[in-house]
């Protein structure tokens, strides 16, 4: 199988970064409507509640993966650590952090996408993985957990947003001048 060129990787990851911001904002349009009890209750999610899952996204993507990919550093953190107790502040931090991916991807040397990422896992184990698929994991991970949250919100009786990537692309295509 032939891999895409590094130019294609950059364009693809810039789309995913744009989607990450868009989907996070759209999700929060519905999360913000949850009562405090529903927001924090055990919804049967891997990280228990909507709040716990959103906290996990902040930890995993922005305290674990962003430093690895941007700075080559590995933080030792627990993936279930509650780094932000305040609901509004967590929202602000997640949206702001999602916005950091675009400048990072734009700054990467094209050859970086074909290189490896050497890091230390949160358990202290040295690891080396292909850079581009690992960066892809970050966006896939966010999509996975946003899906869990939308399922929990639906089970609680709330409406959920349409946050598929193709939906964002359709919205963008309608907004383009003809």
Protein backbone atom coordinates (compact mmCIF):
# COMPACT_ATOMS: atom_id res chain seq x y z
CA UNK A 1 0.00 0.00 0.00
CA UNK A 2 1.37 3.39 -1.00
CA UNK A 3 1.26 6.01 1.76
CA UNK A 4 0.08 9.54 0.96
CA UNK A 5 2.72 12.18 0.33
CA UNK A 6 3.78 14.38 3.24
CA UNK A 7 1.86 17.25 1.62
CA UNK A 8 -1.28 15.13 1.71
CA UNK A 9 -0.59 14.24 5.35
CA UNK A 10 -0.33 17.92 6.29
CA UNK A 11 -3.61 18.79 4.55
CA UNK A 12 -5.35 15.80 6.10
CA UNK A 13 -4.14 16.55 9.62
CA UNK A 14 -5.06 20.23 9.24
CA UNK A 15 -8.58 19.06 8.38
CA UNK A 16 -8.63 16.84 11.47
CA UNK A 17 -7.37 19.70 13.64
CA UNK A 18 -10.11 21.97 12.29
CA UNK A 19 -12.64 19.21 12.90
CA UNK A 20 -11.41 18.73 16.48
CA UNK A 21 -12.18 22.36 17.31
CA UNK A 22 -15.50 22.30 15.46
CA UNK A 23 -16.68 19.03 17.03
CA UNK A 24 -15.61 20.07 20.53
CA UNK A 25 -17.58 23.33 20.24
CA UNK A 26 -20.63 21.55 18.80
CA UNK A 27 -20.53 18.93 21.54
CA UNK A 28 -20.40 21.62 24.19
CA UNK A 29 -23.51 23.29 22.75
CA UNK A 30 -25.28 20.20 24.10
CA UNK A 31 -23.14 19.43 27.14
CA UNK A 32 -23.87 22.96 28.39
CA UNK A 33 -27.59 22.05 28.55
CA UNK A 34 -26.99 19.20 31.02
CA UNK A 35 -27.98 19.75 34.61
CA UNK A 36 -25.09 19.65 37.04
CA UNK A 37 -26.30 16.28 38.35
CA UNK A 38 -26.47 14.77 34.85
CA UNK A 39 -23.11 16.27 33.91
CA UNK A 40 -21.38 14.61 36.88
CA UNK A 41 -23.42 11.43 37.35
CA UNK A 42 -22.12 7.94 36.61
CA UNK A 43 -23.18 7.42 33.01
CA UNK A 44 -21.41 4.09 32.62
CA UNK A 45 -18.55 5.64 30.65
CA UNK A 46 -14.97 4.43 30.94
CA UNK A 47 -14.17 7.66 32.81
CA UNK A 48 -17.54 7.44 34.62
CA UNK A 49 -19.26 10.74 33.83
CA UNK A 50 -19.45 13.33 31.08
CA UNK A 51 -17.22 15.51 33.27
CA UNK A 52 -14.75 12.67 33.86
CA UNK A 53 -14.55 11.92 30.14
CA UNK A 54 -14.01 15.57 29.22
CA UNK A 55 -11.27 15.77 31.87
CA UNK A 56 -9.69 12.68 30.35
CA UNK A 57 -9.66 14.36 26.94
CA UNK A 58 -7.82 17.33 28.41
CA UNK A 59 -5.28 15.08 30.12
CA UNK A 60 -4.70 12.61 27.28
CA UNK A 61 -4.59 15.00 24.37
CA UNK A 62 -3.09 18.08 25.92
CA UNK A 63 -0.97 16.91 28.86
CA UNK A 64 0.21 13.65 27.30
CA UNK A 65 0.13 13.72 23.49
CA UNK A 66 0.61 17.40 22.67
CA UNK A 67 3.89 17.66 24.63
CA UNK A 68 5.14 14.44 23.04
CA UNK A 69 4.33 15.56 19.50
CA UNK A 70 5.21 19.26 19.87
CA UNK A 71 8.10 19.27 22.31
CA UNK A 72 9.40 15.72 22.48
CA UNK A 73 8.64 15.55 26.21
CA UNK A 74 6.71 12.91 28.12
CA UNK A 75 4.72 13.92 31.18
CA UNK A 76 4.01 11.39 33.88
CA UNK A 77 0.28 11.76 34.54
CA UNK A 78 -2.67 9.55 35.37
CA UNK A 79 -5.15 9.33 32.51
CA UNK A 80 -8.06 9.67 34.94
CA UNK A 81 -6.61 12.68 36.77
CA UNK A 82 -9.12 15.45 37.35
CA UNK A 83 -7.15 18.48 36.17
CA UNK A 84 -10.10 20.85 36.07
CA UNK A 85 -12.99 20.68 38.52
CA UNK A 86 -14.77 23.78 37.22
CA UNK A 87 -17.16 22.95 34.39
CA UNK A 88 -16.89 26.29 32.54
CA UNK A 89 -13.12 26.41 32.89
CA UNK A 90 -12.82 22.83 31.56
CA UNK A 91 -14.84 23.85 28.50
CA UNK A 92 -12.60 26.86 27.92
CA UNK A 93 -9.41 24.83 28.34
CA UNK A 94 -10.56 22.06 25.98
CA UNK A 95 -11.58 24.46 23.22
CA UNK A 96 -8.36 26.48 23.61
CA UNK A 97 -6.24 23.34 23.65
CA UNK A 98 -7.95 21.98 20.52
CA UNK A 99 -6.93 25.19 18.78
CA UNK A 100 -3.25 24.44 19.42
CA UNK A 101 -3.13 21.56 16.92
CA UNK A 102 -3.40 23.68 13.76
CA UNK A 103 -0.33 25.86 14.47
CA UNK A 104 1.64 22.75 15.47
CA UNK A 105 0.79 20.89 12.26
CA UNK A 106 1.53 23.98 10.16
CA UNK A 107 4.94 24.29 11.83
CA UNK A 108 6.04 20.70 11.22
CA UNK A 109 8.78 20.02 8.72
CA UNK A 110 7.22 17.91 5.94
CA UNK A 111 9.61 15.05 6.65
CA UNK A 112 8.32 14.81 10.23
CA UNK A 113 5.19 13.01 9.06
CA UNK A 114 7.33 10.15 7.70
CA UNK A 115 9.54 9.97 10.82
CA UNK A 116 9.05 8.23 14.14
CA UNK A 117 7.95 9.59 17.48
CA UNK A 118 10.19 8.48 20.33
CA UNK A 119 8.69 8.98 23.78
CA UNK A 120 8.21 7.43 27.18
CA UNK A 121 4.78 6.04 28.08
CA UNK A 122 2.96 7.21 31.19
CA UNK A 123 4.24 3.96 32.77
CA UNK A 124 7.85 4.93 32.01
CA UNK A 125 8.40 2.52 29.09
CA UNK A 126 10.40 3.85 26.09
CA UNK A 127 8.36 3.70 22.89
CA UNK A 128 8.91 4.47 19.21
CA UNK A 129 5.95 4.73 16.82
CA UNK A 130 5.40 6.15 13.33
CA UNK A 131 4.67 9.87 13.70
CA UNK A 132 1.76 10.32 11.26
CA UNK A 133 -0.40 7.41 12.50
CA UNK A 134 0.30 8.42 16.10
CA UNK A 135 -0.85 11.97 15.39
CA UNK A 136 -3.92 10.41 13.75
CA UNK A 137 -4.54 8.49 16.97
CA UNK A 138 -4.93 11.74 18.88
CA UNK A 139 -7.83 12.86 16.69
CA UNK A 140 -9.34 9.37 16.57
CA UNK A 141 -9.16 9.22 20.38
CA UNK A 142 -11.08 12.48 20.69
CA UNK A 143 -13.74 11.26 18.27
CA UNK A 144 -14.10 8.03 20.25
CA UNK A 145 -14.70 9.83 23.54
CA UNK A 146 -17.00 12.46 22.01
CA UNK A 147 -19.04 9.51 20.73
CA UNK A 148 -19.25 8.08 24.24
CA UNK A 149 -20.44 11.43 25.53
CA UNK A 150 -23.11 11.78 22.85
CA UNK A 151 -24.38 8.29 23.65
CA UNK A 152 -24.55 9.17 27.36
CA UNK A 153 -26.36 12.43 26.65
CA UNK A 154 -28.88 10.61 24.47
CA UNK A 155 -29.45 7.98 27.18
CA UNK A 156 -30.16 10.82 29.63
CA UNK A 157 -32.91 12.09 27.31
CA UNK A 158 -31.12 15.09 25.81
CA UNK A 159 -30.66 15.90 22.12
CA UNK A 160 -27.20 15.39 20.69
CA UNK A 161 -25.34 17.27 18.02
CA UNK A 162 -24.40 15.91 14.62
CA UNK A 163 -20.61 15.89 14.89
CA UNK A 164 -19.43 13.55 12.14
CA UNK A 165 -16.45 14.83 10.16
CA UNK A 166 -18.43 14.63 6.93
CA UNK A 167 -21.12 16.83 8.51
CA UNK A 168 -18.50 19.53 9.14
CA UNK A 169 -17.31 19.23 5.54
CA UNK A 170 -20.89 19.57 4.29
CA UNK A 171 -21.44 22.66 6.44
CA UNK A 172 -18.20 24.17 5.17
CA UNK A 173 -19.11 23.45 1.54
CA UNK A 174 -22.44 25.25 1.97
CA UNK A 175 -20.63 28.25 3.47
CA UNK A 176 -18.16 28.54 0.55
CA UNK A 177 -18.92 31.32 -1.92
CA UNK A 178 -20.00 29.88 -5.26
